[in-house]
Amino acid sequence: MNTVHLLLAVRPVKSYTRDMGISERKERQRAELREHILQVARDMVTKEGFAALSMRKLADAVEYAPATLYLHFENRDAIARALVVRGFQELLARLEPAAAVDAPVERLSRLAQAYLSFGLGHPETYRLVFMEDPRLSEALFQDTHEGAGPKSFALLVRTFEDLQAAGQTLDATPPERLAEVFWAGLHGIISLKLTCSGFQGAPAEVLARTLVATLVRDEAKPSRPSRPSRPSRPARRSR
């Protein structure tokens, strides 16, 4: 192969490599801009609430034309859904360390604490995930078992399965139902604290401990043995 043939053979490879580099750089820049849009949107929701979020206001905040935002998100609801997914991922990240605790009763208590920490520590994110339009979150539980929502629920179900295997649940209620009651109780505590704080006098942590206590049989407190019945006295003979 002479020099001319060698140059002709090498040139397309270099061109292909250069095109791949440009394509990868554009894709990276696109991903970075999408992440920036989501971060600004989240800051806006956190500071001003979900009602304040609009495509035009968000475009001004990121300093791009509104048309640019529509290249990444179909509409405001699409941004909200992306924030809900992110919120569920953060909730799962809070729950996973608690779910690694071996003792199931302690694990359930840690899960309750982690859930409260997420909800009360990030109130606007929690409102967006659980207290805005239900269409934003319900799809996360219906579409796949691999999402952060189903995985979070699975951690609770597994804990109640372990409690039931150890004889520490109060009755024969299925673990899935106990997990749903547990989640509903925690959600009730947080939502009332966020929307009607005067309704609850006890701190959220105390209410969560009470919730755990109502769902778990404490092996450390055996039932009190019944007193032996006294023998009945013989009836007196009438004189």
C-alpha atoms as a PDB file:
ATOM      1  CA  MET A   1       0.000   0.000   0.000  1.00  0.00           C
ATOM      2  CA  ASN A   2       1.505   3.353  -1.067  1.00  0.00           C
ATOM      3  CA  THR A   3       1.266   6.619   0.863  1.00  0.00           C
ATOM      4  CA  VAL A   4      -1.800   7.858  -1.022  1.00  0.00           C
ATOM      5  CA  HIS A   5      -3.726   4.678  -0.265  1.00  0.00           C
ATOM      6  CA  LEU A   6      -2.698   4.879   3.396  1.00  0.00           C
ATOM      7  CA  LEU A   7      -3.942   8.466   3.720  1.00  0.00           C
ATOM      8  CA  LEU A   8      -7.239   7.576   2.086  1.00  0.00           C
ATOM      9  CA  ALA A   9      -7.677   4.662   4.481  1.00  0.00           C
ATOM     10  CA  VAL A  10      -6.866   6.642   7.613  1.00  0.00           C
ATOM     11  CA  ARG A  11      -8.834   9.818   6.828  1.00  0.00           C
ATOM     12  CA  PRO A  12     -12.351   8.334   7.242  1.00  0.00           C
ATOM     13  CA  VAL A  13     -11.367   6.866  10.624  1.00  0.00           C
ATOM     14  CA  LYS A  14     -10.175  10.261  11.860  1.00  0.00           C
ATOM     15  CA  SER A  15     -13.306  11.924  10.525  1.00  0.00           C
ATOM     16  CA  TYR A  16     -15.495   9.317  12.252  1.00  0.00           C
ATOM     17  CA  THR A  17     -13.618   9.780  15.532  1.00  0.00           C
ATOM     18  CA  ARG A  18     -13.950  13.558  15.291  1.00  0.00           C
ATOM     19  CA  ASP A  19     -17.681  13.296  14.573  1.00  0.00           C
ATOM     20  CA  MET A  20     -18.114  10.957  17.549  1.00  0.00           C
ATOM     21  CA  GLY A  21     -16.288  13.435  19.769  1.00  0.00           C
ATOM     22  CA  ILE A  22     -18.531  16.289  18.645  1.00  0.00           C
ATOM     23  CA  SER A  23     -21.647  14.170  19.120  1.00  0.00           C
ATOM     24  CA  GLU A  24     -20.630  13.094  22.617  1.00  0.00           C
ATOM     25  CA  ARG A  25     -19.806  16.680  23.578  1.00  0.00           C
ATOM     26  CA  LYS A  26     -23.196  17.905  22.352  1.00  0.00           C
ATOM     27  CA  GLU A  27     -24.966  15.126  24.238  1.00  0.00           C
ATOM     28  CA  ARG A  28     -23.050  15.979  27.392  1.00  0.00           C
ATOM     29  CA  GLN A  29     -23.906  19.659  27.031  1.00  0.00           C
ATOM     30  CA  ARG A  30     -27.558  18.764  26.479  1.00  0.00           C
ATOM     31  CA  ALA A  31     -27.584  16.611  29.638  1.00  0.00           C
ATOM     32  CA  GLU A  32     -25.887  19.374  31.634  1.00  0.00           C
ATOM     33  CA  LEU A  33     -28.449  21.949  30.477  1.00  0.00           C
ATOM     34  CA  ARG A  34     -31.325  19.604  31.327  1.00  0.00           C
ATOM     35  CA  GLU A  35     -29.880  19.079  34.798  1.00  0.00           C
ATOM     36  CA  HIS A  36     -29.458  22.837  35.225  1.00  0.00           C
ATOM     37  CA  ILE A  37     -33.093  23.428  34.249  1.00  0.00           C
ATOM     38  CA  LEU A  38     -34.252  20.844  36.790  1.00  0.00           C
ATOM     39  CA  GLN A  39     -32.088  22.303  39.534  1.00  0.00           C
ATOM     40  CA  VAL A  40     -33.393  25.825  38.952  1.00  0.00           C
ATOM     41  CA  ALA A  41     -36.959  24.491  38.801  1.00  0.00           C
ATOM     42  CA  ARG A  42     -36.464  22.678  42.088  1.00  0.00           C
ATOM     43  CA  ASP A  43     -35.055  25.793  43.741  1.00  0.00           C
ATOM     44  CA  MET A  44     -38.059  27.739  42.501  1.00  0.00           C
ATOM     45  CA  VAL A  45     -40.508  25.146  43.856  1.00  0.00           C
ATOM     46  CA  THR A  46     -38.651  24.958  47.171  1.00  0.00           C
ATOM     47  CA  LYS A  47     -38.680  28.715  47.703  1.00  0.00           C
ATOM     48  CA  GLU A  48     -42.012  29.709  46.157  1.00  0.00           C
ATOM     49  CA  GLY A  49     -44.092  26.538  45.880  1.00  0.00           C
ATOM     50  CA  PHE A  50     -45.219  24.538  42.863  1.00  0.00           C
ATOM     51  CA  ALA A  51     -47.775  27.149  41.829  1.00  0.00           C
ATOM     52  CA  ALA A  52     -44.945  29.589  41.078  1.00  0.00           C
ATOM     53  CA  LEU A  53     -43.384  27.313  38.457  1.00  0.00           C
ATOM     54  CA  SER A  54     -44.007  28.327  34.847  1.00  0.00           C
ATOM     55  CA  MET A  55     -42.077  27.747  31.630  1.00  0.00           C
ATOM     56  CA  ARG A  56     -41.608  31.464  30.969  1.00  0.00           C
ATOM     57  CA  LYS A  57     -40.473  32.219  34.515  1.00  0.00           C
ATOM     58  CA  LEU A  58     -38.131  29.243  34.430  1.00  0.00           C
ATOM     59  CA  ALA A  59     -36.704  30.345  31.077  1.00  0.00           C
ATOM     60  CA  ASP A  60     -35.916  33.760  32.557  1.00  0.00           C
ATOM     61  CA  ALA A  61     -34.233  32.120  35.546  1.00  0.00           C
ATOM     62  CA  VAL A  62     -31.964  29.898  33.425  1.00  0.00           C
ATOM     63  CA  GLU A  63     -31.394  32.751  30.942  1.00  0.00           C
ATOM     64  CA  TYR A  64     -32.567  30.830  27.888  1.00  0.00           C
ATOM     65  CA  ALA A  65     -35.414  31.420  25.474  1.00  0.00           C
ATOM     66  CA  PRO A  66     -38.604  29.527  26.373  1.00  0.00           C
ATOM     67  CA  ALA A  67     -38.260  27.570  23.121  1.00  0.00           C
ATOM     68  CA  THR A  68     -35.016  26.074  24.443  1.00  0.00           C
ATOM     69  CA  LEU A  69     -36.820  24.616  27.446  1.00  0.00           C
ATOM     70  CA  TYR A  70     -39.308  22.896  25.147  1.00  0.00           C
ATOM     71  CA  LEU A  71     -36.412  21.061  23.488  1.00  0.00           C
ATOM     72  CA  HIS A  72     -35.848  19.293  26.829  1.00  0.00           C
ATOM     73  CA  PHE A  73     -39.320  19.165  28.394  1.00  0.00           C
ATOM     74  CA  GLU A  74     -42.710  18.990  26.730  1.00  0.00           C
ATOM     75  CA  ASN A  75     -44.378  21.274  29.261  1.00  0.00           C
ATOM     76  CA  ARG A  76     -44.516  22.315  32.910  1.00  0.00           C
ATOM     77  CA  ASP A  77     -45.979  18.970  33.967  1.00  0.00           C
ATOM     78  CA  ALA A  78     -43.063  17.136  32.363  1.00  0.00           C
ATOM     79  CA  ILE A  79     -40.677  19.153  34.531  1.00  0.00           C
ATOM     80  CA  ALA A  80     -42.833  18.422  37.571  1.00  0.00           C
ATOM     81  CA  ARG A  81     -42.770  14.684  36.807  1.00  0.00           C
ATOM     82  CA  ALA A  82     -38.993  14.783  36.522  1.00  0.00           C
ATOM     83  CA  LEU A  83     -38.816  16.513  39.908  1.00  0.00           C
ATOM     84  CA  VAL A  84     -41.129  13.871  41.388  1.00  0.00           C
ATOM     85  CA  VAL A  85     -38.841  11.118  40.094  1.00  0.00           C
ATOM     86  CA  ARG A  86     -35.880  12.920  41.637  1.00  0.00           C
ATOM     87  CA  GLY A  87     -37.775  13.309  44.909  1.00  0.00           C
ATOM     88  CA  PHE A  88     -38.579   9.593  45.056  1.00  0.00           C
ATOM     89  CA  GLN A  89     -34.940   8.784  44.380  1.00  0.00           C
ATOM     90  CA  GLU A  90     -33.914  10.949  47.316  1.00  0.00           C
ATOM     91  CA  LEU A  91     -36.523   9.317  49.551  1.00  0.00           C
ATOM     92  CA  LEU A  92     -35.213   5.879  48.581  1.00  0.00           C
ATOM     93  CA  ALA A  93     -31.667   7.019  49.361  1.00  0.00           C
ATOM     94  CA  ARG A  94     -32.850   8.002  52.869  1.00  0.00           C
ATOM     95  CA  LEU A  95     -34.663   4.705  53.428  1.00  0.00           C
ATOM     96  CA  GLU A  96     -31.996   2.287  52.188  1.00  0.00           C
ATOM     97  CA  PRO A  97     -29.519   2.724  55.089  1.00  0.00           C
ATOM     98  CA  ALA A  98     -32.361   2.237  57.580  1.00  0.00           C
ATOM     99  CA  ALA A  99     -33.504  -0.869  55.711  1.00  0.00           C
ATOM    100  CA  ALA A 100     -30.057  -2.426  56.233  1.00  0.00           C
ATOM    101  CA  VAL A 101     -30.611  -2.754  60.013  1.00  0.00           C
ATOM    102  CA  ASP A 102     -30.913  -6.434  60.958  1.00  0.00           C
ATOM    103  CA  ALA A 103     -33.433  -6.326  63.823  1.00  0.00           C
ATOM    104  CA  PRO A 104     -36.843  -5.772  62.159  1.00  0.00           C
ATOM    105  CA  VAL A 105     -38.378  -3.711  64.989  1.00  0.00           C
ATOM    106  CA  GLU A 106     -35.404  -1.355  65.081  1.00  0.00           C
ATOM    107  CA  ARG A 107     -35.407  -1.308  61.287  1.00  0.00           C
ATOM    108  CA  LEU A 108     -39.037  -0.188  61.225  1.00  0.00           C
ATOM    109  CA  SER A 109     -38.255   2.601  63.690  1.00  0.00           C
ATOM    110  CA  ARG A 110     -35.294   3.739  61.585  1.00  0.00           C
ATOM    111  CA  LEU A 111     -37.426   3.691  58.439  1.00  0.00           C
ATOM    112  CA  ALA A 112     -39.994   5.896  60.164  1.00  0.00           C
ATOM    113  CA  GLN A 113     -37.279   8.335  61.248  1.00  0.00           C
ATOM    114  CA  ALA A 114     -35.786   8.434  57.744  1.00  0.00           C
ATOM    115  CA  TYR A 115     -39.183   9.088  56.169  1.00  0.00           C
ATOM    116  CA  LEU A 116     -39.934  11.917  58.594  1.00  0.00           C
ATOM    117  CA  SER A 117     -36.489  13.401  58.033  1.00  0.00           C
ATOM    118  CA  PHE A 118     -37.107  13.534  54.291  1.00  0.00           C
ATOM    119  CA  GLY A 119     -40.651  14.889  54.488  1.00  0.00           C
ATOM    120  CA  LEU A 120     -40.109  17.530  57.164  1.00  0.00           C
ATOM    121  CA  GLY A 121     -36.622  18.443  55.947  1.00  0.00           C
ATOM    122  CA  HIS A 122     -37.754  19.044  52.347  1.00  0.00           C
ATOM    123  CA  PRO A 123     -41.375  20.171  52.686  1.00  0.00           C
ATOM    124  CA  GLU A 124     -41.858  21.614  49.199  1.00  0.00           C
ATOM    125  CA  THR A 125     -40.351  18.545  47.554  1.00  0.00           C
ATOM    126  CA  TYR A 126     -42.618  16.374  49.687  1.00  0.00           C
ATOM    127  CA  ARG A 127     -45.644  18.475  48.740  1.00  0.00           C
ATOM    128  CA  LEU A 128     -44.778  18.116  45.061  1.00  0.00           C
ATOM    129  CA  VAL A 129     -44.297  14.349  45.292  1.00  0.00           C
ATOM    130  CA  PHE A 130     -47.284  13.460  47.478  1.00  0.00           C
ATOM    131  CA  MET A 131     -49.612  16.438  47.820  1.00  0.00           C
ATOM    132  CA  GLU A 132     -49.963  17.995  44.361  1.00  0.00           C
ATOM    133  CA  ASP A 133     -51.589  16.500  41.263  1.00  0.00           C
ATOM    134  CA  PRO A 134     -51.699  12.695  41.841  1.00  0.00           C
ATOM    135  CA  ARG A 135     -50.982  12.119  38.162  1.00  0.00           C
ATOM    136  CA  LEU A 136     -47.425  13.273  38.801  1.00  0.00           C
ATOM    137  CA  SER A 137     -46.618  10.359  41.113  1.00  0.00           C
ATOM    138  CA  GLU A 138     -49.089   7.551  40.457  1.00  0.00           C
ATOM    139  CA  ALA A 139     -47.357   6.507  37.236  1.00  0.00           C
ATOM    140  CA  LEU A 140     -44.197   5.788  39.212  1.00  0.00           C
ATOM    141  CA  PHE A 141     -45.973   2.907  40.941  1.00  0.00           C
ATOM    142  CA  GLN A 142     -47.822   1.602  37.885  1.00  0.00           C
ATOM    143  CA  ASP A 143     -45.232   1.543  35.130  1.00  0.00           C
ATOM    144  CA  THR A 144     -42.401  -0.522  36.633  1.00  0.00           C
ATOM    145  CA  HIS A 145     -41.158  -2.368  39.706  1.00  0.00           C
ATOM    146  CA  GLU A 146     -37.676  -0.933  39.228  1.00  0.00           C
ATOM    147  CA  GLY A 147     -38.466   2.696  40.047  1.00  0.00           C
ATOM    148  CA  ALA A 148     -37.687   4.424  43.325  1.00  0.00           C
ATOM    149  CA  GLY A 149     -41.353   4.414  44.381  1.00  0.00           C
ATOM    150  CA  PRO A 150     -41.894   0.633  44.157  1.00  0.00           C
ATOM    151  CA  LYS A 151     -38.447   0.008  45.635  1.00  0.00           C
ATOM    152  CA  SER A 152     -39.257   2.213  48.624  1.00  0.00           C
ATOM    153  CA  PHE A 153     -42.497   0.339  49.227  1.00  0.00           C
ATOM    154  CA  ALA A 154     -40.713  -3.006  48.837  1.00  0.00           C
ATOM    155  CA  LEU A 155     -38.370  -2.077  51.706  1.00  0.00           C
ATOM    156  CA  LEU A 156     -41.386  -1.640  53.976  1.00  0.00           C
ATOM    157  CA  VAL A 157     -43.025  -4.868  52.814  1.00  0.00           C
ATOM    158  CA  ARG A 158     -39.820  -6.826  53.443  1.00  0.00           C
ATOM    159  CA  THR A 159     -39.603  -5.396  56.951  1.00  0.00           C
ATOM    160  CA  PHE A 160     -43.150  -6.480  57.784  1.00  0.00           C
ATOM    161  CA  GLU A 161     -42.449  -9.906  56.280  1.00  0.00           C
ATOM    162  CA  ASP A 162     -39.530 -10.254  58.695  1.00  0.00           C
ATOM    163  CA  LEU A 163     -41.660  -9.022  61.585  1.00  0.00           C
ATOM    164  CA  GLN A 164     -44.372 -11.506  60.728  1.00  0.00           C
ATOM    165  CA  ALA A 165     -41.862 -14.352  60.453  1.00  0.00           C
ATOM    166  CA  ALA A 166     -40.609 -13.447  63.934  1.00  0.00           C
ATOM    167  CA  GLY A 167     -44.146 -13.387  65.304  1.00  0.00           C
ATOM    168  CA  GLN A 168     -43.957  -9.651  65.966  1.00  0.00           C
ATOM    169  CA  THR A 169     -46.954  -8.414  64.028  1.00  0.00           C
ATOM    170  CA  LEU A 170     -50.206  -7.998  65.874  1.00  0.00           C
ATOM    171  CA  ASP A 171     -52.300 -10.243  63.655  1.00  0.00           C
ATOM    172  CA  ALA A 172     -52.292 -12.155  60.384  1.00  0.00           C
ATOM    173  CA  THR A 173     -52.686  -9.052  58.218  1.00  0.00           C
ATOM    174  CA  PRO A 174     -50.664  -9.410  54.970  1.00  0.00           C
ATOM    175  CA  PRO A 175     -47.295  -7.580  55.035  1.00  0.00           C
ATOM    176  CA  GLU A 176     -48.290  -5.539  51.985  1.00  0.00           C
ATOM    177  CA  ARG A 177     -51.292  -4.138  53.819  1.00  0.00           C
ATOM    178  CA  LEU A 178     -49.281  -3.418  56.963  1.00  0.00           C
ATOM    179  CA  ALA A 179     -46.703  -1.601  54.837  1.00  0.00           C
ATOM    180  CA  GLU A 180     -49.462   0.482  53.260  1.00  0.00           C
ATOM    181  CA  VAL A 181     -50.904   1.357  56.677  1.00  0.00           C
ATOM    182  CA  PHE A 182     -47.420   2.299  57.898  1.00  0.00           C
ATOM    183  CA  TRP A 183     -46.771   4.543  54.880  1.00  0.00           C
ATOM    184  CA  ALA A 184     -50.220   6.109  55.192  1.00  0.00           C
ATOM    185  CA  GLY A 185     -49.602   6.834  58.879  1.00  0.00           C
ATOM    186  CA  LEU A 186     -46.268   8.518  58.205  1.00  0.00           C
ATOM    187  CA  HIS A 187     -47.775  10.515  55.354  1.00  0.00           C
ATOM    188  CA  GLY A 188     -50.581  11.613  57.641  1.00  0.00           C
ATOM    189  CA  ILE A 189     -48.128  12.834  60.268  1.00  0.00           C
ATOM    190  CA  ILE A 190     -46.107  14.836  57.748  1.00  0.00           C
ATOM    191  CA  SER A 191     -49.050  16.268  55.816  1.00  0.00           C
ATOM    192  CA  LEU A 192     -50.745  17.454  59.009  1.00  0.00           C
ATOM    193  CA  LYS A 193     -47.502  18.990  60.262  1.00  0.00           C
ATOM    194  CA  LEU A 194     -47.101  20.821  56.951  1.00  0.00           C
ATOM    195  CA  THR A 195     -50.681  21.990  56.501  1.00  0.00           C
ATOM    196  CA  CYS A 196     -52.199  22.101  59.989  1.00  0.00           C
ATOM    197  CA  SER A 197     -49.439  22.117  62.572  1.00  0.00           C
ATOM    198  CA  GLY A 198     -51.785  23.208  65.343  1.00  0.00           C
ATOM    199  CA  PHE A 199     -53.771  19.993  64.966  1.00  0.00           C
ATOM    200  CA  GLN A 200     -51.004  17.888  66.516  1.00  0.00           C
ATOM    201  CA  GLY A 201     -49.673  18.623  69.965  1.00  0.00           C
ATOM    202  CA  ALA A 202     -47.093  15.829  70.068  1.00  0.00           C
ATOM    203  CA  PRO A 203     -43.848  16.060  68.069  1.00  0.00           C
ATOM    204  CA  ALA A 204     -43.734  14.113  64.811  1.00  0.00           C
ATOM    205  CA  GLU A 205     -41.106  11.746  66.214  1.00  0.00           C
ATOM    206  CA  VAL A 206     -43.361  10.823  69.142  1.00  0.00           C
ATOM    207  CA  LEU A 207     -46.278  10.182  66.796  1.00  0.00           C
ATOM    208  CA  ALA A 208     -44.063   7.983  64.609  1.00  0.00           C
ATOM    209  CA  ARG A 209     -42.947   5.925  67.618  1.00  0.00           C
ATOM    210  CA  THR A 210     -46.592   5.483  68.574  1.00  0.00           C
ATOM    211  CA  LEU A 211     -47.372   4.346  65.038  1.00  0.00           C
ATOM    212  CA  VAL A 212     -44.612   1.734  65.191  1.00  0.00           C
ATOM    213  CA  ALA A 213     -45.837   0.543  68.582  1.00  0.00           C
ATOM    214  CA  THR A 214     -49.358   0.013  67.256  1.00  0.00           C
ATOM    215  CA  LEU A 215     -48.106  -2.235  64.442  1.00  0.00           C
ATOM    216  CA  VAL A 216     -45.539  -4.312  66.336  1.00  0.00           C
ATOM    217  CA  ARG A 217     -45.804  -6.857  69.123  1.00  0.00           C
ATOM    218  CA  ASP A 218     -43.059  -6.161  71.669  1.00  0.00           C
ATOM    219  CA  GLU A 219     -41.435  -9.454  72.663  1.00  0.00           C
ATOM    220  CA  ALA A 220     -39.720  -7.775  75.599  1.00  0.00           C
ATOM    221  CA  LYS A 221     -43.083  -7.416  77.322  1.00  0.00           C
ATOM    222  CA  PRO A 222     -44.639 -10.867  77.696  1.00  0.00           C
ATOM    223  CA  SER A 223     -48.297 -11.001  78.448  1.00  0.00           C
ATOM    224  CA  ARG A 224     -49.134 -11.030  82.147  1.00  0.00           C
ATOM    225  CA  PRO A 225     -49.962 -14.580  83.339  1.00  0.00           C
ATOM    226  CA  SER A 226     -53.523 -15.022  84.423  1.00  0.00           C
ATOM    227  CA  ARG A 227     -54.144 -15.595  88.102  1.00  0.00           C
ATOM    228  CA  PRO A 228     -55.090 -19.139  89.089  1.00  0.00           C
ATOM    229  CA  SER A 229     -58.752 -19.381  89.891  1.00  0.00           C
ATOM    230  CA  ARG A 230     -59.579 -19.840  93.550  1.00  0.00           C
ATOM    231  CA  PRO A 231     -61.359 -23.038  94.500  1.00  0.00           C
ATOM    232  CA  SER A 232     -64.979 -22.372  95.229  1.00  0.00           C
ATOM    233  CA  ARG A 233     -66.025 -22.637  98.861  1.00  0.00           C
ATOM    234  CA  PRO A 234     -68.466 -25.385  99.704  1.00  0.00           C
ATOM    235  CA  ALA A 235     -71.955 -24.108 100.269  1.00  0.00           C
ATOM    236  CA  ARG A 236     -73.014 -23.858 103.885  1.00  0.00           C
ATOM    237  CA  ARG A 237     -75.613 -26.266 105.027  1.00  0.00           C
ATOM    238  CA  SER A 238     -78.783 -24.616 106.138  1.00  0.00           C
ATOM    239  CA  ARG A 239     -79.667 -25.323 109.722  1.00  0.00           C
END
